[in-house]
Amino acid sequence: MLKVNEYFEGAVKSIALENEEGTATIGVMEAGEYQFGTATIELMTITSGSLDVLLPGETDWKTYQTGETFRVEKDLKFKVKAAQQVAYYCLYI
């Protein structure tokens, strides 16, 4: 069964699924700055637009474009900034 998630007063929305690859979400973000926490390792791929990311332990933001993936380890927090709407695919491993 699909699960719909909504965060930051509706500015971030995703649909979760489980299949042979594992658990994943497909989501969208409005322009803004957000902080997320991880419960598992997360692989996030930008599917439309670009996203500035501040990974745990880093001091410099890095921009990820459509088709690029970043990894966040389990039990950590990371920040993202979207200058415009962005879409993503997140695989939880």
PDB file of N, CA and C in Angstrom:
ATOM      1  N   MET A   1       0.844  -1.175   0.000  1.00  0.00           N
ATOM      2  CA  MET A   1       0.000   0.000   0.000  1.00  0.00           C
ATOM      3  C   MET A   1       0.894   1.245   0.000  1.00  0.00           C
ATOM      4  N   LEU A   2       0.522   2.232  -0.763  1.00  0.00           N
ATOM      5  CA  LEU A   2       1.251   3.491  -0.811  1.00  0.00           C
ATOM      6  C   LEU A   2       0.923   4.324   0.420  1.00  0.00           C
ATOM      7  N   LYS A   3       1.930   5.059   0.904  1.00  0.00           N
ATOM      8  CA  LYS A   3       1.739   5.934   2.056  1.00  0.00           C
ATOM      9  C   LYS A   3       2.123   7.343   1.647  1.00  0.00           C
ATOM     10  N   VAL A   4       1.235   8.301   1.904  1.00  0.00           N
ATOM     11  CA  VAL A   4       1.489   9.700   1.584  1.00  0.00           C
ATOM     12  C   VAL A   4       2.025  10.403   2.833  1.00  0.00           C
ATOM     13  N   ASN A   5       3.149  11.103   2.674  1.00  0.00           N
ATOM     14  CA  ASN A   5       3.772  11.851   3.769  1.00  0.00           C
ATOM     15  C   ASN A   5       3.754  13.334   3.447  1.00  0.00           C
ATOM     16  N   GLU A   6       3.577  14.156   4.477  1.00  0.00           N
ATOM     17  CA  GLU A   6       3.579  15.609   4.311  1.00  0.00           C
ATOM     18  C   GLU A   6       4.359  16.224   5.459  1.00  0.00           C
ATOM     19  N   TYR A   7       5.294  17.123   5.126  1.00  0.00           N
ATOM     20  CA  TYR A   7       6.158  17.759   6.116  1.00  0.00           C
ATOM     21  C   TYR A   7       6.168  19.267   5.912  1.00  0.00           C
ATOM     22  N   PHE A   8       6.605  19.990   6.932  1.00  0.00           N
ATOM     23  CA  PHE A   8       6.799  21.441   6.846  1.00  0.00           C
ATOM     24  C   PHE A   8       5.560  22.145   6.292  1.00  0.00           C
ATOM     25  N   GLU A   9       4.425  21.853   6.944  1.00  0.00           N
ATOM     26  CA  GLU A   9       3.134  22.460   6.595  1.00  0.00           C
ATOM     27  C   GLU A   9       2.789  22.301   5.121  1.00  0.00           C
ATOM     28  N   GLY A  10       3.122  21.130   4.568  1.00  0.00           N
ATOM     29  CA  GLY A  10       2.768  20.813   3.190  1.00  0.00           C
ATOM     30  C   GLY A  10       3.776  21.239   2.149  1.00  0.00           C
ATOM     31  N   ALA A  11       4.888  21.848   2.566  1.00  0.00           N
ATOM     32  CA  ALA A  11       5.898  22.308   1.604  1.00  0.00           C
ATOM     33  C   ALA A  11       6.729  21.154   1.044  1.00  0.00           C
ATOM     34  N   VAL A  12       6.741  20.018   1.731  1.00  0.00           N
ATOM     35  CA  VAL A  12       7.426  18.812   1.257  1.00  0.00           C
ATOM     36  C   VAL A  12       6.414  17.669   1.327  1.00  0.00           C
ATOM     37  N   LYS A  13       6.232  16.982   0.203  1.00  0.00           N
ATOM     38  CA  LYS A  13       5.287  15.864   0.143  1.00  0.00           C
ATOM     39  C   LYS A  13       5.950  14.698  -0.565  1.00  0.00           C
ATOM     40  N   SER A  14       5.622  13.484  -0.095  1.00  0.00           N
ATOM     41  CA  SER A  14       6.170  12.304  -0.756  1.00  0.00           C
ATOM     42  C   SER A  14       5.178  11.159  -0.686  1.00  0.00           C
ATOM     43  N   ILE A  15       5.402  10.186  -1.556  1.00  0.00           N
ATOM     44  CA  ILE A  15       4.648   8.942  -1.549  1.00  0.00           C
ATOM     45  C   ILE A  15       5.654   7.822  -1.327  1.00  0.00           C
ATOM     46  N   ALA A  16       5.404   6.999  -0.313  1.00  0.00           N
ATOM     47  CA  ALA A  16       6.305   5.896   0.028  1.00  0.00           C
ATOM     48  C   ALA A  16       5.806   4.598  -0.596  1.00  0.00           C
ATOM     49  N   LEU A  17       6.764   3.750  -0.968  1.00  0.00           N
ATOM     50  CA  LEU A  17       6.440   2.446  -1.531  1.00  0.00           C
ATOM     51  C   LEU A  17       7.463   1.426  -1.059  1.00  0.00           C
ATOM     52  N   GLU A  18       7.086   0.164  -1.127  1.00  0.00           N
ATOM     53  CA  GLU A  18       8.008  -0.935  -0.847  1.00  0.00           C
ATOM     54  C   GLU A  18       7.945  -1.901  -2.006  1.00  0.00           C
ATOM     55  N   ASN A  19       9.138  -2.264  -2.536  1.00  0.00           N
ATOM     56  CA  ASN A  19       9.203  -3.232  -3.625  1.00  0.00           C
ATOM     57  C   ASN A  19      10.481  -4.041  -3.486  1.00  0.00           C
ATOM     58  N   GLU A  20      10.887  -4.737  -4.558  1.00  0.00           N
ATOM     59  CA  GLU A  20      12.073  -5.591  -4.480  1.00  0.00           C
ATOM     60  C   GLU A  20      13.363  -4.823  -4.223  1.00  0.00           C
ATOM     61  N   GLU A  21      13.374  -3.515  -4.487  1.00  0.00           N
ATOM     62  CA  GLU A  21      14.553  -2.690  -4.214  1.00  0.00           C
ATOM     63  C   GLU A  21      14.613  -2.259  -2.752  1.00  0.00           C
ATOM     64  N   GLY A  22      13.489  -2.330  -2.051  1.00  0.00           N
ATOM     65  CA  GLY A  22      13.421  -1.905  -0.663  1.00  0.00           C
ATOM     66  C   GLY A  22      12.359  -0.842  -0.486  1.00  0.00           C
ATOM     67  N   THR A  23      12.523  -0.015   0.530  1.00  0.00           N
ATOM     68  CA  THR A  23      11.591   1.074   0.800  1.00  0.00           C
ATOM     69  C   THR A  23      12.126   2.344   0.146  1.00  0.00           C
ATOM     70  N   ALA A  24      11.230   3.084  -0.489  1.00  0.00           N
ATOM     71  CA  ALA A  24      11.631   4.303  -1.185  1.00  0.00           C
ATOM     72  C   ALA A  24      10.501   5.324  -1.111  1.00  0.00           C
ATOM     73  N   THR A  25      10.873   6.584  -1.361  1.00  0.00           N
ATOM     74  CA  THR A  25       9.875   7.631  -1.505  1.00  0.00           C
ATOM     75  C   THR A  25      10.154   8.412  -2.780  1.00  0.00           C
ATOM     76  N   ILE A  26       9.090   8.890  -3.356  1.00  0.00           N
ATOM     77  CA  ILE A  26       9.145   9.816  -4.477  1.00  0.00           C
ATOM     78  C   ILE A  26       8.525  11.097  -3.943  1.00  0.00           C
ATOM     79  N   GLY A  27       9.256  12.221  -4.033  1.00  0.00           N
ATOM     80  CA  GLY A  27       8.725  13.421  -3.408  1.00  0.00           C
ATOM     81  C   GLY A  27       9.023  14.699  -4.145  1.00  0.00           C
ATOM     82  N   VAL A  28       8.418  15.763  -3.644  1.00  0.00           N
ATOM     83  CA  VAL A  28       8.613  17.108  -4.178  1.00  0.00           C
ATOM     84  C   VAL A  28       8.757  18.084  -3.016  1.00  0.00           C
ATOM     85  N   MET A  29       9.504  19.164  -3.269  1.00  0.00           N
ATOM     86  CA  MET A  29       9.698  20.226  -2.278  1.00  0.00           C
ATOM     87  C   MET A  29       9.412  21.562  -2.926  1.00  0.00           C
ATOM     88  N   GLU A  30       8.769  22.426  -2.170  1.00  0.00           N
ATOM     89  CA  GLU A  30       8.654  23.820  -2.577  1.00  0.00           C
ATOM     90  C   GLU A  30       9.993  24.504  -2.294  1.00  0.00           C
ATOM     91  N   ALA A  31      10.203  25.663  -2.873  1.00  0.00           N
ATOM     92  CA  ALA A  31      11.396  26.444  -2.559  1.00  0.00           C
ATOM     93  C   ALA A  31      11.434  26.694  -1.055  1.00  0.00           C
ATOM     94  N   GLY A  32      12.623  26.553  -0.461  1.00  0.00           N
ATOM     95  CA  GLY A  32      12.768  26.770   0.977  1.00  0.00           C
ATOM     96  C   GLY A  32      13.965  26.033   1.527  1.00  0.00           C
ATOM     97  N   GLU A  33      14.149  26.133   2.833  1.00  0.00           N
ATOM     98  CA  GLU A  33      15.250  25.462   3.526  1.00  0.00           C
ATOM     99  C   GLU A  33      14.651  24.516   4.560  1.00  0.00           C
ATOM    100  N   TYR A  34      15.164  23.275   4.599  1.00  0.00           N
ATOM    101  CA  TYR A  34      14.597  22.233   5.439  1.00  0.00           C
ATOM    102  C   TYR A  34      15.705  21.414   6.093  1.00  0.00           C
ATOM    103  N   GLN A  35      15.390  20.846   7.269  1.00  0.00           N
ATOM    104  CA  GLN A  35      16.308  19.915   7.917  1.00  0.00           C
ATOM    105  C   GLN A  35      15.589  18.586   8.092  1.00  0.00           C
ATOM    106  N   PHE A  36      16.263  17.512   7.730  1.00  0.00           N
ATOM    107  CA  PHE A  36      15.721  16.169   7.837  1.00  0.00           C
ATOM    108  C   PHE A  36      16.619  15.315   8.720  1.00  0.00           C
ATOM    109  N   GLY A  37      16.053  14.284   9.323  1.00  0.00           N
ATOM    110  CA  GLY A  37      16.809  13.294  10.070  1.00  0.00           C
ATOM    111  C   GLY A  37      16.648  11.935   9.412  1.00  0.00           C
ATOM    112  N   THR A  38      17.643  11.078   9.589  1.00  0.00           N
ATOM    113  CA  THR A  38      17.610   9.752   8.980  1.00  0.00           C
ATOM    114  C   THR A  38      17.453   8.670  10.046  1.00  0.00           C
ATOM    115  N   ALA A  39      16.699   7.639   9.728  1.00  0.00           N
ATOM    116  CA  ALA A  39      16.574   6.458  10.588  1.00  0.00           C
ATOM    117  C   ALA A  39      17.325   5.281   9.983  1.00  0.00           C
ATOM    118  N   THR A  40      17.625   5.384   8.689  1.00  0.00           N
ATOM    119  CA  THR A  40      18.405   4.385   7.962  1.00  0.00           C
ATOM    120  C   THR A  40      19.379   5.149   7.070  1.00  0.00           C
ATOM    121  N   ILE A  41      20.227   4.434   6.363  1.00  0.00           N
ATOM    122  CA  ILE A  41      21.037   5.074   5.326  1.00  0.00           C
ATOM    123  C   ILE A  41      20.080   5.509   4.222  1.00  0.00           C
ATOM    124  N   GLU A  42      20.267   6.712   3.706  1.00  0.00           N
ATOM    125  CA  GLU A  42      19.400   7.223   2.645  1.00  0.00           C
ATOM    126  C   GLU A  42      20.240   7.606   1.435  1.00  0.00           C
ATOM    127  N   LEU A  43      19.779   7.181   0.280  1.00  0.00           N
ATOM    128  CA  LEU A  43      20.351   7.587  -1.001  1.00  0.00           C
ATOM    129  C   LEU A  43      19.312   8.455  -1.687  1.00  0.00           C
ATOM    130  N   MET A  44      19.611   9.741  -1.844  1.00  0.00           N
ATOM    131  CA  MET A  44      18.644  10.664  -2.438  1.00  0.00           C
ATOM    132  C   MET A  44      19.129  11.095  -3.814  1.00  0.00           C
ATOM    133  N   THR A  45      18.283  10.868  -4.813  1.00  0.00           N
ATOM    134  CA  THR A  45      18.580  11.232  -6.194  1.00  0.00           C
ATOM    135  C   THR A  45      17.642  12.352  -6.613  1.00  0.00           C
ATOM    136  N   ILE A  46      18.209  13.414  -7.149  1.00  0.00           N
ATOM    137  CA  ILE A  46      17.400  14.526  -7.645  1.00  0.00           C
ATOM    138  C   ILE A  46      16.844  14.117  -9.009  1.00  0.00           C
ATOM    139  N   THR A  47      15.532  14.194  -9.173  1.00  0.00           N
ATOM    140  CA  THR A  47      14.911  13.790 -10.432  1.00  0.00           C
ATOM    141  C   THR A  47      14.447  14.970 -11.271  1.00  0.00           C
ATOM    142  N   SER A  48      14.352  16.149 -10.649  1.00  0.00           N
ATOM    143  CA  SER A  48      14.002  17.354 -11.396  1.00  0.00           C
ATOM    144  C   SER A  48      14.455  18.563 -10.589  1.00  0.00           C
ATOM    145  N   GLY A  49      15.175  19.468 -11.235  1.00  0.00           N
ATOM    146  CA  GLY A  49      15.657  20.667 -10.563  1.00  0.00           C
ATOM    147  C   GLY A  49      17.031  20.457  -9.951  1.00  0.00           C
ATOM    148  N   SER A  50      17.335  21.260  -8.934  1.00  0.00           N
ATOM    149  CA  SER A  50      18.603  21.141  -8.216  1.00  0.00           C
ATOM    150  C   SER A  50      18.357  21.414  -6.743  1.00  0.00           C
ATOM    151  N   LEU A  51      19.265  20.916  -5.904  1.00  0.00           N
ATOM    152  CA  LEU A  51      19.106  21.028  -4.471  1.00  0.00           C
ATOM    153  C   LEU A  51      20.464  21.285  -3.832  1.00  0.00           C
ATOM    154  N   ASP A  52      20.553  22.322  -2.999  1.00  0.00           N
ATOM    155  CA  ASP A  52      21.761  22.580  -2.223  1.00  0.00           C
ATOM    156  C   ASP A  52      21.667  21.752  -0.947  1.00  0.00           C
ATOM    157  N   VAL A  53      22.764  21.043  -0.618  1.00  0.00           N
ATOM    158  CA  VAL A  53      22.752  20.105   0.506  1.00  0.00           C
ATOM    159  C   VAL A  53      23.937  20.387   1.424  1.00  0.00           C
ATOM    160  N   LEU A  54      23.673  20.411   2.722  1.00  0.00           N
ATOM    161  CA  LEU A  54      24.717  20.488   3.738  1.00  0.00           C
ATOM    162  C   LEU A  54      24.696  19.170   4.498  1.00  0.00           C
ATOM    163  N   LEU A  55      25.666  18.307   4.174  1.00  0.00           N
ATOM    164  CA  LEU A  55      25.732  16.984   4.777  1.00  0.00           C
ATOM    165  C   LEU A  55      26.327  17.057   6.179  1.00  0.00           C
ATOM    166  N   PRO A  56      26.020  16.070   7.024  1.00  0.00           N
ATOM    167  CA  PRO A  56      26.550  16.057   8.390  1.00  0.00           C
ATOM    168  C   PRO A  56      28.076  16.125   8.396  1.00  0.00           C
ATOM    169  N   GLY A  57      28.613  16.973   9.279  1.00  0.00           N
ATOM    170  CA  GLY A  57      30.053  17.098   9.408  1.00  0.00           C
ATOM    171  C   GLY A  57      30.711  18.001   8.385  1.00  0.00           C
ATOM    172  N   GLU A  58      29.944  18.485   7.415  1.00  0.00           N
ATOM    173  CA  GLU A  58      30.479  19.367   6.376  1.00  0.00           C
ATOM    174  C   GLU A  58      30.203  20.823   6.740  1.00  0.00           C
ATOM    175  N   THR A  59      31.006  21.726   6.206  1.00  0.00           N
ATOM    176  CA  THR A  59      30.785  23.159   6.420  1.00  0.00           C
ATOM    177  C   THR A  59      30.385  23.872   5.137  1.00  0.00           C
ATOM    178  N   ASP A  60      30.574  23.206   3.989  1.00  0.00           N
ATOM    179  CA  ASP A  60      30.237  23.797   2.692  1.00  0.00           C
ATOM    180  C   ASP A  60      29.019  23.103   2.091  1.00  0.00           C
ATOM    181  N   TRP A  61      28.111  23.903   1.557  1.00  0.00           N
ATOM    182  CA  TRP A  61      26.952  23.385   0.840  1.00  0.00           C
ATOM    183  C   TRP A  61      27.414  22.875  -0.519  1.00  0.00           C
ATOM    184  N   LYS A  62      26.781  21.814  -1.003  1.00  0.00           N
ATOM    185  CA  LYS A  62      27.067  21.283  -2.336  1.00  0.00           C
ATOM    186  C   LYS A  62      25.757  21.214  -3.109  1.00  0.00           C
ATOM    187  N   THR A  63      25.797  21.592  -4.383  1.00  0.00           N
ATOM    188  CA  THR A  63      24.608  21.560  -5.227  1.00  0.00           C
ATOM    189  C   THR A  63      24.546  20.247  -5.991  1.00  0.00           C
ATOM    190  N   TYR A  64      23.385  19.592  -5.911  1.00  0.00           N
ATOM    191  CA  TYR A  64      23.128  18.357  -6.652  1.00  0.00           C
ATOM    192  C   TYR A  64      22.095  18.663  -7.722  1.00  0.00           C
ATOM    193  N   GLN A  65      22.399  18.252  -8.949  1.00  0.00           N
ATOM    194  CA  GLN A  65      21.545  18.508 -10.104  1.00  0.00           C
ATOM    195  C   GLN A  65      20.731  17.255 -10.446  1.00  0.00           C
ATOM    196  N   THR A  66      19.817  17.405 -11.384  1.00  0.00           N
ATOM    197  CA  THR A  66      19.029  16.278 -11.863  1.00  0.00           C
ATOM    198  C   THR A  66      19.943  15.104 -12.226  1.00  0.00           C
ATOM    199  N   GLY A  67      19.617  13.931 -11.692  1.00  0.00           N
ATOM    200  CA  GLY A  67      20.375  12.710 -11.975  1.00  0.00           C
ATOM    201  C   GLY A  67      21.492  12.430 -10.980  1.00  0.00           C
ATOM    202  N   GLU A  68      21.817  13.389 -10.110  1.00  0.00           N
ATOM    203  CA  GLU A  68      22.889  13.186  -9.132  1.00  0.00           C
ATOM    204  C   GLU A  68      22.316  12.665  -7.809  1.00  0.00           C
ATOM    205  N   THR A  69      23.130  11.867  -7.108  1.00  0.00           N
ATOM    206  CA  THR A  69      22.714  11.209  -5.870  1.00  0.00           C
ATOM    207  C   THR A  69      23.679  11.553  -4.745  1.00  0.00           C
ATOM    208  N   PHE A  70      23.129  11.744  -3.543  1.00  0.00           N
ATOM    209  CA  PHE A  70      23.977  11.869  -2.363  1.00  0.00           C
ATOM    210  C   PHE A  70      23.516  10.862  -1.309  1.00  0.00           C
ATOM    211  N   ARG A  71      24.416  10.562  -0.384  1.00  0.00           N
ATOM    212  CA  ARG A  71      24.183   9.549   0.643  1.00  0.00           C
ATOM    213  C   ARG A  71      24.283  10.193   2.020  1.00  0.00           C
ATOM    214  N   VAL A  72      23.337   9.819   2.891  1.00  0.00           N
ATOM    215  CA  VAL A  72      23.367  10.267   4.279  1.00  0.00           C
ATOM    216  C   VAL A  72      23.308   9.014   5.154  1.00  0.00           C
ATOM    217  N   GLU A  73      24.235   8.911   6.090  1.00  0.00           N
ATOM    218  CA  GLU A  73      24.288   7.760   6.976  1.00  0.00           C
ATOM    219  C   GLU A  73      23.130   7.774   7.977  1.00  0.00           C
ATOM    220  N   LYS A  74      22.931   6.658   8.644  1.00  0.00           N
ATOM    221  CA  LYS A  74      21.857   6.446   9.615  1.00  0.00           C
ATOM    222  C   LYS A  74      22.005   7.359  10.838  1.00  0.00           C
ATOM    223  N   ASP A  75      20.866   7.794  11.366  1.00  0.00           N
ATOM    224  CA  ASP A  75      20.767   8.554  12.615  1.00  0.00           C
ATOM    225  C   ASP A  75      21.504   9.894  12.582  1.00  0.00           C
ATOM    226  N   LEU A  76      21.438  10.571  11.455  1.00  0.00           N
ATOM    227  CA  LEU A  76      22.068  11.881  11.315  1.00  0.00           C
ATOM    228  C   LEU A  76      21.044  12.888  10.797  1.00  0.00           C
ATOM    229  N   LYS A  77      21.382  14.176  10.901  1.00  0.00           N
ATOM    230  CA  LYS A  77      20.540  15.240  10.357  1.00  0.00           C
ATOM    231  C   LYS A  77      21.305  15.933   9.240  1.00  0.00           C
ATOM    232  N   PHE A  78      20.561  16.381   8.232  1.00  0.00           N
ATOM    233  CA  PHE A  78      21.156  17.127   7.132  1.00  0.00           C
ATOM    234  C   PHE A  78      20.197  18.228   6.708  1.00  0.00           C
ATOM    235  N   LYS A  79      20.764  19.266   6.081  1.00  0.00           N
ATOM    236  CA  LYS A  79      19.964  20.403   5.638  1.00  0.00           C
ATOM    237  C   LYS A  79      19.946  20.473   4.119  1.00  0.00           C
ATOM    238  N   VAL A  80      18.833  20.975   3.590  1.00  0.00           N
ATOM    239  CA  VAL A  80      18.717  21.195   2.144  1.00  0.00           C
ATOM    240  C   VAL A  80      18.103  22.568   1.900  1.00  0.00           C
ATOM    241  N   LYS A  81      18.464  23.156   0.748  1.00  0.00           N
ATOM    242  CA  LYS A  81      17.875  24.423   0.302  1.00  0.00           C
ATOM    243  C   LYS A  81      17.464  24.251  -1.154  1.00  0.00           C
ATOM    244  N   ALA A  82      16.221  24.573  -1.430  1.00  0.00           N
ATOM    245  CA  ALA A  82      15.711  24.535  -2.795  1.00  0.00           C
ATOM    246  C   ALA A  82      15.387  25.957  -3.225  1.00  0.00           C
ATOM    247  N   ALA A  83      15.976  26.399  -4.339  1.00  0.00           N
ATOM    248  CA  ALA A  83      15.701  27.740  -4.855  1.00  0.00           C
ATOM    249  C   ALA A  83      14.369  27.775  -5.595  1.00  0.00           C
ATOM    250  N   GLN A  84      13.942  26.609  -6.082  1.00  0.00           N
ATOM    251  CA  GLN A  84      12.658  26.459  -6.759  1.00  0.00           C
ATOM    252  C   GLN A  84      12.156  25.050  -6.482  1.00  0.00           C
ATOM    253  N   GLN A  85      10.995  24.701  -6.986  1.00  0.00           N
ATOM    254  CA  GLN A  85      10.475  23.358  -6.756  1.00  0.00           C
ATOM    255  C   GLN A  85      11.466  22.311  -7.256  1.00  0.00           C
ATOM    256  N   VAL A  86      11.589  21.224  -6.496  1.00  0.00           N
ATOM    257  CA  VAL A  86      12.508  20.146  -6.835  1.00  0.00           C
ATOM    258  C   VAL A  86      11.822  18.812  -6.554  1.00  0.00           C
ATOM    259  N   ALA A  87      12.160  17.801  -7.352  1.00  0.00           N
ATOM    260  CA  ALA A  87      11.627  16.451  -7.157  1.00  0.00           C
ATOM    261  C   ALA A  87      12.786  15.502  -6.878  1.00  0.00           C
ATOM    262  N   TYR A  88      12.490  14.452  -6.097  1.00  0.00           N
ATOM    263  CA  TYR A  88      13.547  13.521  -5.698  1.00  0.00           C
ATOM    264  C   TYR A  88      13.021  12.101  -5.542  1.00  0.00           C
ATOM    265  N   TYR A  89      13.963  11.162  -5.573  1.00  0.00           N
ATOM    266  CA  TYR A  89      13.712   9.747  -5.273  1.00  0.00           C
ATOM    267  C   TYR A  89      14.654   9.396  -4.132  1.00  0.00           C
ATOM    268  N   CYS A  90      14.146   8.840  -3.043  1.00  0.00           N
ATOM    269  CA  CYS A  90      14.968   8.497  -1.897  1.00  0.00           C
ATOM    270  C   CYS A  90      14.828   7.011  -1.595  1.00  0.00           C
ATOM    271  N   LEU A  91      15.954   6.283  -1.606  1.00  0.00           N
ATOM    272  CA  LEU A  91      15.979   4.862  -1.296  1.00  0.00           C
ATOM    273  C   LEU A  91      16.555   4.696   0.101  1.00  0.00           C
ATOM    274  N   TYR A  92      15.853   3.934   0.932  1.00  0.00           N
ATOM    275  CA  TYR A  92      16.271   3.695   2.320  1.00  0.00           C
ATOM    276  C   TYR A  92      16.898   2.312   2.411  1.00  0.00           C
ATOM    277  N   ILE A  93      18.169   2.259   2.856  1.00  0.00           N
ATOM    278  CA  ILE A  93      18.848   0.966   2.929  1.00  0.00           C
ATOM    279  C   ILE A  93      19.404   0.684   4.319  1.00  0.00           C
TER     280      ILE A  93
END
